[in-house]
């Protein structure tokens, strides 16, 4: 298969594919920002609970780190998985990865607060 065949079959990223990747990068960046915000705010919440006499336990740093790692890892996996697919399939792969990030982030948050 020659390089021109690769271009015709959509195996290059191209401008449209790059636009889809950048658009979804914004959504993944928002999820990453939420995870970083949780890393900043959750220890404050635990300290406030302890200050009023409620048992809060230790700050779940492992869950916070997992929550921060999920969005970039899912984006990289979706980017690599979608690089040889059509534009619509790339968008679908990114969308599925974004849904998975949302579900995993909710689970991590629920475990961290419980």
PDB file of N, CA and C in Angstrom:
ATOM      1  N   UNK A   1       0.843  -1.158   0.000  1.00  0.00           N
ATOM      2  CA  UNK A   1       0.000   0.000   0.000  1.00  0.00           C
ATOM      3  C   UNK A   1       0.902   1.240   0.000  1.00  0.00           C
ATOM      4  N   UNK A   2       0.671   2.145  -0.898  1.00  0.00           N
ATOM      5  CA  UNK A   2       1.496   3.342  -0.992  1.00  0.00           C
ATOM      6  C   UNK A   2       0.952   4.430  -0.078  1.00  0.00           C
ATOM      7  N   UNK A   3       1.714   5.509   0.015  1.00  0.00           N
ATOM      8  CA  UNK A   3       1.291   6.613   0.870  1.00  0.00           C
ATOM      9  C   UNK A   3       0.023   7.285   0.343  1.00  0.00           C
ATOM     10  N   UNK A   4      -0.118   7.345  -0.973  1.00  0.00           N
ATOM     11  CA  UNK A   4      -1.338   7.949  -1.525  1.00  0.00           C
ATOM     12  C   UNK A   4      -2.557   7.091  -1.216  1.00  0.00           C
ATOM     13  N   UNK A   5      -2.383   5.770  -1.152  1.00  0.00           N
ATOM     14  CA  UNK A   5      -3.486   4.895  -0.755  1.00  0.00           C
ATOM     15  C   UNK A   5      -3.867   5.151   0.703  1.00  0.00           C
ATOM     16  N   UNK A   6      -2.864   5.380   1.550  1.00  0.00           N
ATOM     17  CA  UNK A   6      -3.147   5.685   2.952  1.00  0.00           C
ATOM     18  C   UNK A   6      -3.946   6.972   3.086  1.00  0.00           C
ATOM     19  N   UNK A   7      -3.611   7.970   2.283  1.00  0.00           N
ATOM     20  CA  UNK A   7      -4.324   9.242   2.335  1.00  0.00           C
ATOM     21  C   UNK A   7      -5.756   9.057   1.858  1.00  0.00           C
ATOM     22  N   UNK A   8      -5.953   8.290   0.791  1.00  0.00           N
ATOM     23  CA  UNK A   8      -7.299   8.081   0.257  1.00  0.00           C
ATOM     24  C   UNK A   8      -8.183   7.280   1.205  1.00  0.00           C
ATOM     25  N   UNK A   9      -7.609   6.357   1.937  1.00  0.00           N
ATOM     26  CA  UNK A   9      -8.419   5.524   2.823  1.00  0.00           C
ATOM     27  C   UNK A   9      -8.602   6.143   4.203  1.00  0.00           C
ATOM     28  N   UNK A  10      -8.067   7.323   4.425  1.00  0.00           N
ATOM     29  CA  UNK A  10      -8.289   8.011   5.686  1.00  0.00           C
ATOM     30  C   UNK A  10      -7.385   7.564   6.808  1.00  0.00           C
ATOM     31  N   UNK A  11      -6.222   7.069   6.489  1.00  0.00           N
ATOM     32  CA  UNK A  11      -5.324   6.584   7.524  1.00  0.00           C
ATOM     33  C   UNK A  11      -4.382   7.659   8.045  1.00  0.00           C
ATOM     34  N   UNK A  12      -4.528   8.858   7.527  1.00  0.00           N
ATOM     35  CA  UNK A  12      -3.778   9.982   8.065  1.00  0.00           C
ATOM     36  C   UNK A  12      -4.702  10.764   8.967  1.00  0.00           C
ATOM     37  N   UNK A  13      -4.117  11.515   9.886  1.00  0.00           N
ATOM     38  CA  UNK A  13      -4.937  12.258  10.829  1.00  0.00           C
ATOM     39  C   UNK A  13      -5.735  13.341  10.120  1.00  0.00           C
ATOM     40  N   UNK A  14      -5.101  14.155   9.322  1.00  0.00           N
ATOM     41  CA  UNK A  14      -5.799  15.181   8.564  1.00  0.00           C
ATOM     42  C   UNK A  14      -6.338  16.294   9.447  1.00  0.00           C
ATOM     43  N   UNK A  15      -6.781  17.361   8.809  1.00  0.00           N
ATOM     44  CA  UNK A  15      -7.277  18.530   9.543  1.00  0.00           C
ATOM     45  C   UNK A  15      -8.578  18.231  10.276  1.00  0.00           C
ATOM     46  N   UNK A  16      -9.472  17.516   9.669  1.00  0.00           N
ATOM     47  CA  UNK A  16     -10.749  17.223  10.329  1.00  0.00           C
ATOM     48  C   UNK A  16     -10.538  16.315  11.539  1.00  0.00           C
ATOM     49  N   UNK A  17      -9.678  15.333  11.392  1.00  0.00           N
ATOM     50  CA  UNK A  17      -9.370  14.452  12.514  1.00  0.00           C
ATOM     51  C   UNK A  17      -8.681  15.192  13.644  1.00  0.00           C
ATOM     52  N   UNK A  18      -7.815  16.118  13.274  1.00  0.00           N
ATOM     53  CA  UNK A  18      -7.142  16.934  14.280  1.00  0.00           C
ATOM     54  C   UNK A  18      -8.143  17.843  14.995  1.00  0.00           C
ATOM     55  N   UNK A  19      -9.105  18.381  14.255  1.00  0.00           N
ATOM     56  CA  UNK A  19     -10.136  19.229  14.860  1.00  0.00           C
ATOM     57  C   UNK A  19     -10.981  18.434  15.852  1.00  0.00           C
ATOM     58  N   UNK A  20     -11.335  17.207  15.491  1.00  0.00           N
ATOM     59  CA  UNK A  20     -12.099  16.348  16.410  1.00  0.00           C
ATOM     60  C   UNK A  20     -11.273  16.057  17.662  1.00  0.00           C
ATOM     61  N   UNK A  21      -9.992  15.750  17.472  1.00  0.00           N
ATOM     62  CA  UNK A  21      -9.123  15.463  18.615  1.00  0.00           C
ATOM     63  C   UNK A  21      -8.986  16.683  19.523  1.00  0.00           C
ATOM     64  N   UNK A  22      -8.860  17.859  18.943  1.00  0.00           N
ATOM     65  CA  UNK A  22      -8.730  19.069  19.745  1.00  0.00           C
ATOM     66  C   UNK A  22     -10.033  19.426  20.459  1.00  0.00           C
ATOM     67  N   UNK A  23     -11.145  19.224  19.797  1.00  0.00           N
ATOM     68  CA  UNK A  23     -12.434  19.490  20.433  1.00  0.00           C
ATOM     69  C   UNK A  23     -12.629  18.587  21.647  1.00  0.00           C
ATOM     70  N   UNK A  24     -12.352  17.321  21.488  1.00  0.00           N
ATOM     71  CA  UNK A  24     -12.498  16.410  22.623  1.00  0.00           C
ATOM     72  C   UNK A  24     -11.423  16.643  23.671  1.00  0.00           C
ATOM     73  N   UNK A  25     -10.267  17.177  23.274  1.00  0.00           N
ATOM     74  CA  UNK A  25      -9.229  17.508  24.248  1.00  0.00           C
ATOM     75  C   UNK A  25      -9.740  18.543  25.240  1.00  0.00           C
ATOM     76  N   UNK A  26     -10.579  19.457  24.776  1.00  0.00           N
ATOM     77  CA  UNK A  26     -11.168  20.451  25.688  1.00  0.00           C
ATOM     78  C   UNK A  26     -12.052  19.788  26.736  1.00  0.00           C
ATOM     79  N   UNK A  27     -12.851  18.827  26.322  1.00  0.00           N
ATOM     80  CA  UNK A  27     -13.718  18.123  27.275  1.00  0.00           C
ATOM     81  C   UNK A  27     -12.899  17.301  28.276  1.00  0.00           C
ATOM     82  N   UNK A  28     -11.866  16.639  27.778  1.00  0.00           N
ATOM     83  CA  UNK A  28     -11.007  15.866  28.671  1.00  0.00           C
ATOM     84  C   UNK A  28     -10.236  16.792  29.614  1.00  0.00           C
ATOM     85  N   UNK A  29      -9.838  17.963  29.128  1.00  0.00           N
ATOM     86  CA  UNK A  29      -9.139  18.930  29.977  1.00  0.00           C
ATOM     87  C   UNK A  29     -10.057  19.420  31.093  1.00  0.00           C
ATOM     88  N   UNK A  30     -11.333  19.586  30.789  1.00  0.00           N
ATOM     89  CA  UNK A  30     -12.290  19.988  31.820  1.00  0.00           C
ATOM     90  C   UNK A  30     -12.390  18.911  32.901  1.00  0.00           C
ATOM     91  N   UNK A  31     -12.450  17.649  32.494  1.00  0.00           N
ATOM     92  CA  UNK A  31     -12.488  16.567  33.476  1.00  0.00           C
ATOM     93  C   UNK A  31     -11.203  16.527  34.298  1.00  0.00           C
ATOM     94  N   UNK A  32     -10.071  16.789  33.654  1.00  0.00           N
ATOM     95  CA  UNK A  32      -8.803  16.828  34.375  1.00  0.00           C
ATOM     96  C   UNK A  32      -8.809  17.975  35.379  1.00  0.00           C
ATOM     97  N   UNK A  33      -9.330  19.126  34.978  1.00  0.00           N
ATOM     98  CA  UNK A  33      -9.403  20.265  35.902  1.00  0.00           C
ATOM     99  C   UNK A  33     -10.286  19.939  37.103  1.00  0.00           C
ATOM    100  N   UNK A  34     -11.395  19.251  36.875  1.00  0.00           N
ATOM    101  CA  UNK A  34     -12.257  18.846  37.984  1.00  0.00           C
ATOM    102  C   UNK A  34     -11.509  17.926  38.953  1.00  0.00           C
ATOM    103  N   UNK A  35     -10.711  17.025  38.428  1.00  0.00           N
ATOM    104  CA  UNK A  35      -9.949  16.113  39.285  1.00  0.00           C
ATOM    105  C   UNK A  35      -8.894  16.878  40.088  1.00  0.00           C
ATOM    106  N   UNK A  36      -8.255  17.853  39.459  1.00  0.00           N
ATOM    107  CA  UNK A  36      -7.270  18.664  40.173  1.00  0.00           C
ATOM    108  C   UNK A  36      -7.957  19.503  41.241  1.00  0.00           C
ATOM    109  N   UNK A  37      -9.118  20.025  40.923  1.00  0.00           N
ATOM    110  CA  UNK A  37      -9.880  20.794  41.906  1.00  0.00           C
ATOM    111  C   UNK A  37     -10.275  19.914  43.090  1.00  0.00           C
ATOM    112  N   UNK A  38     -10.632  18.669  42.832  1.00  0.00           N
ATOM    113  CA  UNK A  38     -10.925  17.734  43.920  1.00  0.00           C
ATOM    114  C   UNK A  38      -9.688  17.516  44.788  1.00  0.00           C
ATOM    115  N   UNK A  39      -8.525  17.440  44.173  1.00  0.00           N
ATOM    116  CA  UNK A  39      -7.285  17.254  44.928  1.00  0.00           C
ATOM    117  C   UNK A  39      -6.996  18.453  45.823  1.00  0.00           C
ATOM    118  N   UNK A  40      -7.465  19.622  45.419  1.00  0.00           N
ATOM    119  CA  UNK A  40      -7.256  20.823  46.215  1.00  0.00           C
ATOM    120  C   UNK A  40      -8.325  20.945  47.304  1.00  0.00           C
ATOM    121  N   UNK A  41      -9.562  20.678  46.967  1.00  0.00           N
ATOM    122  CA  UNK A  41     -10.680  20.935  47.875  1.00  0.00           C
ATOM    123  C   UNK A  41     -10.976  19.796  48.857  1.00  0.00           C
ATOM    124  N   UNK A  42     -10.746  18.561  48.469  1.00  0.00           N
ATOM    125  CA  UNK A  42     -11.102  17.444  49.340  1.00  0.00           C
ATOM    126  C   UNK A  42     -10.324  17.446  50.662  1.00  0.00           C
ATOM    127  N   UNK A  43      -9.024  17.712  50.663  1.00  0.00           N
ATOM    128  CA  UNK A  43      -8.335  17.794  51.967  1.00  0.00           C
ATOM    129  C   UNK A  43      -8.890  18.914  52.850  1.00  0.00           C
ATOM    130  N   UNK A  44      -9.320  20.026  52.243  1.00  0.00           N
ATOM    131  CA  UNK A  44      -9.929  21.105  53.026  1.00  0.00           C
ATOM    132  C   UNK A  44     -11.243  20.629  53.655  1.00  0.00           C
ATOM    133  N   UNK A  45     -12.024  19.872  52.903  1.00  0.00           N
ATOM    134  CA  UNK A  45     -13.281  19.333  53.420  1.00  0.00           C
ATOM    135  C   UNK A  45     -13.021  18.393  54.586  1.00  0.00           C
ATOM    136  N   UNK A  46     -12.031  17.528  54.443  1.00  0.00           N
ATOM    137  CA  UNK A  46     -11.705  16.606  55.523  1.00  0.00           C
ATOM    138  C   UNK A  46     -11.264  17.378  56.765  1.00  0.00           C
ATOM    139  N   UNK A  47     -10.497  18.445  56.594  1.00  0.00           N
ATOM    140  CA  UNK A  47     -10.043  19.256  57.723  1.00  0.00           C
ATOM    141  C   UNK A  47     -11.231  19.955  58.394  1.00  0.00           C
ATOM    142  N   UNK A  48     -12.174  20.438  57.611  1.00  0.00           N
ATOM    143  CA  UNK A  48     -13.358  21.085  58.183  1.00  0.00           C
ATOM    144  C   UNK A  48     -14.201  20.088  58.972  1.00  0.00           C
ATOM    145  N   UNK A  49     -14.335  18.886  58.448  1.00  0.00           N
ATOM    146  CA  UNK A  49     -15.092  17.862  59.172  1.00  0.00           C
ATOM    147  C   UNK A  49     -14.425  17.532  60.501  1.00  0.00           C
ATOM    148  N   UNK A  50     -13.118  17.421  60.502  1.00  0.00           N
ATOM    149  CA  UNK A  50     -12.384  17.142  61.735  1.00  0.00           C
ATOM    150  C   UNK A  50     -12.518  18.310  62.716  1.00  0.00           C
ATOM    151  N   UNK A  51     -12.551  19.550  62.199  1.00  0.00           N
ATOM    152  CA  UNK A  51     -12.626  20.734  63.061  1.00  0.00           C
ATOM    153  C   UNK A  51     -13.941  20.809  63.820  1.00  0.00           C
ATOM    154  N   UNK A  52     -15.019  20.321  63.233  1.00  0.00           N
ATOM    155  CA  UNK A  52     -16.316  20.359  63.921  1.00  0.00           C
ATOM    156  C   UNK A  52     -16.597  19.072  64.692  1.00  0.00           C
ATOM    157  N   UNK A  53     -15.637  18.169  64.732  1.00  0.00           N
ATOM    158  CA  UNK A  53     -15.770  16.978  65.548  1.00  0.00           C
ATOM    159  C   UNK A  53     -16.327  15.759  64.846  1.00  0.00           C
ATOM    160  N   UNK A  54     -16.490  15.822  63.541  1.00  0.00           N
ATOM    161  CA  UNK A  54     -16.968  14.655  62.794  1.00  0.00           C
ATOM    162  C   UNK A  54     -15.782  13.816  62.342  1.00  0.00           C
ATOM    163  N   UNK A  55     -15.893  12.506  62.449  1.00  0.00           N
ATOM    164  CA  UNK A  55     -14.774  11.662  62.004  1.00  0.00           C
ATOM    165  C   UNK A  55     -14.690  11.656  60.481  1.00  0.00           C
ATOM    166  N   UNK A  56     -13.549  12.059  59.969  1.00  0.00           N
ATOM    167  CA  UNK A  56     -13.378  12.122  58.524  1.00  0.00           C
ATOM    168  C   UNK A  56     -12.376  11.093  58.010  1.00  0.00           C
ATOM    169  N   UNK A  57     -11.500  10.625  58.860  1.00  0.00           N
ATOM    170  CA  UNK A  57     -10.496   9.668  58.426  1.00  0.00           C
ATOM    171  C   UNK A  57      -9.365  10.357  57.676  1.00  0.00           C
ATOM    172  N   UNK A  58      -8.594   9.566  56.967  1.00  0.00           N
ATOM    173  CA  UNK A  58      -7.465  10.100  56.204  1.00  0.00           C
ATOM    174  C   UNK A  58      -7.915  10.523  54.814  1.00  0.00           C
ATOM    175  N   UNK A  59      -7.195  11.468  54.250  1.00  0.00           N
ATOM    176  CA  UNK A  59      -7.473  11.912  52.884  1.00  0.00           C
ATOM    177  C   UNK A  59      -7.085  10.776  51.932  1.00  0.00           C
ATOM    178  N   UNK A  60      -7.977  10.376  51.054  1.00  0.00           N
ATOM    179  CA  UNK A  60      -7.688   9.254  50.140  1.00  0.00           C
ATOM    180  C   UNK A  60      -6.809   9.699  48.959  1.00  0.00           C
ATOM    181  N   UNK A  61      -5.528   9.861  49.214  1.00  0.00           N
ATOM    182  CA  UNK A  61      -4.620  10.382  48.192  1.00  0.00           C
ATOM    183  C   UNK A  61      -4.514   9.462  46.994  1.00  0.00           C
ATOM    184  N   UNK A  62      -4.596   8.163  47.221  1.00  0.00           N
ATOM    185  CA  UNK A  62      -4.517   7.226  46.091  1.00  0.00           C
ATOM    186  C   UNK A  62      -5.692   7.430  45.143  1.00  0.00           C
ATOM    187  N   UNK A  63      -6.897   7.575  45.684  1.00  0.00           N
ATOM    188  CA  UNK A  63      -8.067   7.811  44.834  1.00  0.00           C
ATOM    189  C   UNK A  63      -7.987   9.162  44.135  1.00  0.00           C
ATOM    190  N   UNK A  64      -7.444  10.156  44.804  1.00  0.00           N
ATOM    191  CA  UNK A  64      -7.268  11.466  44.178  1.00  0.00           C
ATOM    192  C   UNK A  64      -6.298  11.360  43.015  1.00  0.00           C
ATOM    193  N   UNK A  65      -5.202  10.633  43.206  1.00  0.00           N
ATOM    194  CA  UNK A  65      -4.219  10.457  42.124  1.00  0.00           C
ATOM    195  C   UNK A  65      -4.818   9.681  40.953  1.00  0.00           C
ATOM    196  N   UNK A  66      -5.614   8.667  41.257  1.00  0.00           N
ATOM    197  CA  UNK A  66      -6.274   7.906  40.192  1.00  0.00           C
ATOM    198  C   UNK A  66      -7.239   8.803  39.426  1.00  0.00           C
ATOM    199  N   UNK A  67      -7.969   9.655  40.151  1.00  0.00           N
ATOM    200  CA  UNK A  67      -8.896  10.576  39.509  1.00  0.00           C
ATOM    201  C   UNK A  67      -8.190  11.561  38.581  1.00  0.00           C
ATOM    202  N   UNK A  68      -6.988  11.963  38.950  1.00  0.00           N
ATOM    203  CA  UNK A  68      -6.216  12.870  38.096  1.00  0.00           C
ATOM    204  C   UNK A  68      -5.655  12.134  36.885  1.00  0.00           C
ATOM    205  N   UNK A  69      -5.317  10.871  37.043  1.00  0.00           N
ATOM    206  CA  UNK A  69      -4.697  10.113  35.953  1.00  0.00           C
ATOM    207  C   UNK A  69      -5.694   9.635  34.901  1.00  0.00           C
ATOM    208  N   UNK A  70      -6.955   9.476  35.270  1.00  0.00           N
ATOM    209  CA  UNK A  70      -7.938   8.892  34.350  1.00  0.00           C
ATOM    210  C   UNK A  70      -8.139   9.705  33.070  1.00  0.00           C
ATOM    211  N   UNK A  71      -8.415  11.023  33.124  1.00  0.00           N
ATOM    212  CA  UNK A  71      -8.688  11.748  31.869  1.00  0.00           C
ATOM    213  C   UNK A  71      -7.541  11.746  30.853  1.00  0.00           C
ATOM    214  N   UNK A  72      -6.294  12.027  31.257  1.00  0.00           N
ATOM    215  CA  UNK A  72      -5.244  11.997  30.226  1.00  0.00           C
ATOM    216  C   UNK A  72      -5.001  10.602  29.654  1.00  0.00           C
ATOM    217  N   UNK A  73      -5.085   9.594  30.507  1.00  0.00           N
ATOM    218  CA  UNK A  73      -4.873   8.231  30.007  1.00  0.00           C
ATOM    219  C   UNK A  73      -5.971   7.828  29.031  1.00  0.00           C
ATOM    220  N   UNK A  74      -7.208   8.158  29.356  1.00  0.00           N
ATOM    221  CA  UNK A  74      -8.310   7.818  28.453  1.00  0.00           C
ATOM    222  C   UNK A  74      -8.195   8.566  27.134  1.00  0.00           C
ATOM    223  N   UNK A  75      -7.746   9.818  27.180  1.00  0.00           N
ATOM    224  CA  UNK A  75      -7.575  10.591  25.945  1.00  0.00           C
ATOM    225  C   UNK A  75      -6.502   9.958  25.061  1.00  0.00           C
ATOM    226  N   UNK A  76      -5.396   9.580  25.655  1.00  0.00           N
ATOM    227  CA  UNK A  76      -4.313   8.959  24.879  1.00  0.00           C
ATOM    228  C   UNK A  76      -4.779   7.636  24.270  1.00  0.00           C
ATOM    229  N   UNK A  77      -5.500   6.845  25.048  1.00  0.00           N
ATOM    230  CA  UNK A  77      -6.016   5.575  24.532  1.00  0.00           C
ATOM    231  C   UNK A  77      -6.978   5.820  23.378  1.00  0.00           C
ATOM    232  N   UNK A  78      -7.873   6.793  23.531  1.00  0.00           N
ATOM    233  CA  UNK A  78      -8.833   7.098  22.464  1.00  0.00           C
ATOM    234  C   UNK A  78      -8.118   7.640  21.228  1.00  0.00           C
ATOM    235  N   UNK A  79      -7.110   8.467  21.432  1.00  0.00           N
ATOM    236  CA  UNK A  79      -6.359   9.032  20.306  1.00  0.00           C
ATOM    237  C   UNK A  79      -5.661   7.936  19.513  1.00  0.00           C
ATOM    238  N   UNK A  80      -5.012   7.034  20.236  1.00  0.00           N
ATOM    239  CA  UNK A  80      -4.293   5.934  19.570  1.00  0.00           C
ATOM    240  C   UNK A  80      -5.283   4.974  18.916  1.00  0.00           C
ATOM    241  N   UNK A  81      -6.376   4.672  19.599  1.00  0.00           N
ATOM    242  CA  UNK A  81      -7.361   3.739  19.041  1.00  0.00           C
ATOM    243  C   UNK A  81      -8.055   4.313  17.816  1.00  0.00           C
ATOM    244  N   UNK A  82      -8.218   5.621  17.758  1.00  0.00           N
ATOM    245  CA  UNK A  82      -8.948   6.223  16.648  1.00  0.00           C
ATOM    246  C   UNK A  82      -8.105   6.710  15.502  1.00  0.00           C
ATOM    247  N   UNK A  83      -6.798   6.568  15.584  1.00  0.00           N
ATOM    248  CA  UNK A  83      -5.944   7.175  14.553  1.00  0.00           C
ATOM    249  C   UNK A  83      -6.089   6.533  13.187  1.00  0.00           C
ATOM    250  N   UNK A  84      -6.507   5.314  13.087  1.00  0.00           N
ATOM    251  CA  UNK A  84      -6.623   4.643  11.784  1.00  0.00           C
ATOM    252  C   UNK A  84      -8.074   4.472  11.336  1.00  0.00           C
ATOM    253  N   UNK A  85      -8.958   5.219  11.954  1.00  0.00           N
ATOM    254  CA  UNK A  85     -10.373   5.093  11.627  1.00  0.00           C
ATOM    255  C   UNK A  85     -10.886   6.333  10.910  1.00  0.00           C
ATOM    256  N   UNK A  86     -12.093   6.224  10.428  1.00  0.00           N
ATOM    257  CA  UNK A  86     -12.717   7.362   9.751  1.00  0.00           C
ATOM    258  C   UNK A  86     -13.032   8.452  10.775  1.00  0.00           C
ATOM    259  N   UNK A  87     -13.414   9.608  10.279  1.00  0.00           N
ATOM    260  CA  UNK A  87     -13.690  10.754  11.143  1.00  0.00           C
ATOM    261  C   UNK A  87     -14.843  10.460  12.106  1.00  0.00           C
ATOM    262  N   UNK A  88     -15.905   9.878  11.602  1.00  0.00           N
ATOM    263  CA  UNK A  88     -17.053   9.563  12.465  1.00  0.00           C
ATOM    264  C   UNK A  88     -16.671   8.538  13.530  1.00  0.00           C
ATOM    265  N   UNK A  89     -15.878   7.563  13.158  1.00  0.00           N
ATOM    266  CA  UNK A  89     -15.455   6.549  14.127  1.00  0.00           C
ATOM    267  C   UNK A  89     -14.515   7.156  15.169  1.00  0.00           C
ATOM    268  N   UNK A  90     -13.643   8.090  14.765  1.00  0.00           N
ATOM    269  CA  UNK A  90     -12.779   8.780  15.726  1.00  0.00           C
ATOM    270  C   UNK A  90     -13.620   9.527  16.746  1.00  0.00           C
ATOM    271  N   UNK A  91     -14.627  10.254  16.247  1.00  0.00           N
ATOM    272  CA  UNK A  91     -15.496  11.004  17.147  1.00  0.00           C
ATOM    273  C   UNK A  91     -16.226  10.062  18.101  1.00  0.00           C
ATOM    274  N   UNK A  92     -16.678   8.931  17.615  1.00  0.00           N
ATOM    275  CA  UNK A  92     -17.366   7.961  18.464  1.00  0.00           C
ATOM    276  C   UNK A  92     -16.424   7.377  19.515  1.00  0.00           C
ATOM    277  N   UNK A  93     -15.207   7.090  19.133  1.00  0.00           N
ATOM    278  CA  UNK A  93     -14.227   6.553  20.087  1.00  0.00           C
ATOM    279  C   UNK A  93     -13.940   7.578  21.177  1.00  0.00           C
ATOM    280  N   UNK A  94     -13.751   8.837  20.783  1.00  0.00           N
ATOM    281  CA  UNK A  94     -13.531   9.887  21.776  1.00  0.00           C
ATOM    282  C   UNK A  94     -14.745  10.052  22.687  1.00  0.00           C
ATOM    283  N   UNK A  95     -15.932   9.979  22.113  1.00  0.00           N
ATOM    284  CA  UNK A  95     -17.152  10.113  22.904  1.00  0.00           C
ATOM    285  C   UNK A  95     -17.275   8.974  23.916  1.00  0.00           C
ATOM    286  N   UNK A  96     -16.996   7.765  23.490  1.00  0.00           N
ATOM    287  CA  UNK A  96     -17.057   6.619  24.404  1.00  0.00           C
ATOM    288  C   UNK A  96     -16.009   6.745  25.508  1.00  0.00           C
ATOM    289  N   UNK A  97     -14.833   7.228  25.162  1.00  0.00           N
ATOM    290  CA  UNK A  97     -13.793   7.429  26.179  1.00  0.00           C
ATOM    291  C   UNK A  97     -14.220   8.509  27.166  1.00  0.00           C
ATOM    292  N   UNK A  98     -14.869   9.555  26.672  1.00  0.00           N
ATOM    293  CA  UNK A  98     -15.337  10.627  27.547  1.00  0.00           C
ATOM    294  C   UNK A  98     -16.421  10.126  28.494  1.00  0.00           C
ATOM    295  N   UNK A  99     -17.306   9.289  27.995  1.00  0.00           N
ATOM    296  CA  UNK A  99     -18.345   8.690  28.850  1.00  0.00           C
ATOM    297  C   UNK A  99     -17.697   7.795  29.909  1.00  0.00           C
ATOM    298  N   UNK A 100     -16.704   7.037  29.519  1.00  0.00           N
ATOM    299  CA  UNK A 100     -16.007   6.178  30.476  1.00  0.00           C
ATOM    300  C   UNK A 100     -15.305   7.010  31.548  1.00  0.00           C
ATOM    301  N   UNK A 101     -14.702   8.128  31.143  1.00  0.00           N
ATOM    302  CA  UNK A 101     -14.042   9.015  32.106  1.00  0.00           C
ATOM    303  C   UNK A 101     -15.058   9.571  33.090  1.00  0.00           C
ATOM    304  N   UNK A 102     -16.204   9.984  32.601  1.00  0.00           N
ATOM    305  CA  UNK A 102     -17.237  10.525  33.488  1.00  0.00           C
ATOM    306  C   UNK A 102     -17.690   9.474  34.500  1.00  0.00           C
ATOM    307  N   UNK A 103     -17.915   8.255  34.035  1.00  0.00           N
ATOM    308  CA  UNK A 103     -18.357   7.189  34.939  1.00  0.00           C
ATOM    309  C   UNK A 103     -17.275   6.837  35.959  1.00  0.00           C
ATOM    310  N   UNK A 104     -16.039   6.717  35.501  1.00  0.00           N
ATOM    311  CA  UNK A 104     -14.950   6.390  36.418  1.00  0.00           C
ATOM    312  C   UNK A 104     -14.686   7.519  37.405  1.00  0.00           C
ATOM    313  N   UNK A 105     -14.796   8.761  36.947  1.00  0.00           N
ATOM    314  CA  UNK A 105     -14.587   9.902  37.843  1.00  0.00           C
ATOM    315  C   UNK A 105     -15.655   9.953  38.923  1.00  0.00           C
ATOM    316  N   UNK A 106     -16.896   9.688  38.543  1.00  0.00           N
ATOM    317  CA  UNK A 106     -17.963   9.644  39.546  1.00  0.00           C
ATOM    318  C   UNK A 106     -17.716   8.527  40.571  1.00  0.00           C
ATOM    319  N   UNK A 107     -17.264   7.400  40.087  1.00  0.00           N
ATOM    320  CA  UNK A 107     -16.982   6.283  41.001  1.00  0.00           C
ATOM    321  C   UNK A 107     -15.844   6.625  41.952  1.00  0.00           C
ATOM    322  N   UNK A 108     -14.800   7.236  41.431  1.00  0.00           N
ATOM    323  CA  UNK A 108     -13.663   7.614  42.269  1.00  0.00           C
ATOM    324  C   UNK A 108     -14.082   8.653  43.297  1.00  0.00           C
ATOM    325  N   UNK A 109     -14.886   9.623  42.864  1.00  0.00           N
ATOM    326  CA  UNK A 109     -15.371  10.645  43.806  1.00  0.00           C
ATOM    327  C   UNK A 109     -16.240  10.030  44.891  1.00  0.00           C
ATOM    328  N   UNK A 110     -17.092   9.114  44.512  1.00  0.00           N
ATOM    329  CA  UNK A 110     -17.952   8.459  45.495  1.00  0.00           C
ATOM    330  C   UNK A 110     -17.125   7.653  46.505  1.00  0.00           C
ATOM    331  N   UNK A 111     -16.098   6.973  46.033  1.00  0.00           N
ATOM    332  CA  UNK A 111     -15.231   6.219  46.936  1.00  0.00           C
ATOM    333  C   UNK A 111     -14.425   7.150  47.835  1.00  0.00           C
ATOM    334  N   UNK A 112     -14.008   8.293  47.297  1.00  0.00           N
ATOM    335  CA  UNK A 112     -13.188   9.227  48.087  1.00  0.00           C
ATOM    336  C   UNK A 112     -13.999   9.868  49.200  1.00  0.00           C
ATOM    337  N   UNK A 113     -15.266  10.138  48.957  1.00  0.00           N
ATOM    338  CA  UNK A 113     -16.092  10.810  49.951  1.00  0.00           C
ATOM    339  C   UNK A 113     -16.672   9.816  50.951  1.00  0.00           C
ATOM    340  N   UNK A 114     -16.851   8.576  50.537  1.00  0.00           N
ATOM    341  CA  UNK A 114     -17.450   7.566  51.424  1.00  0.00           C
ATOM    342  C   UNK A 114     -16.549   7.186  52.573  1.00  0.00           C
TER     343      UNK A 114
END
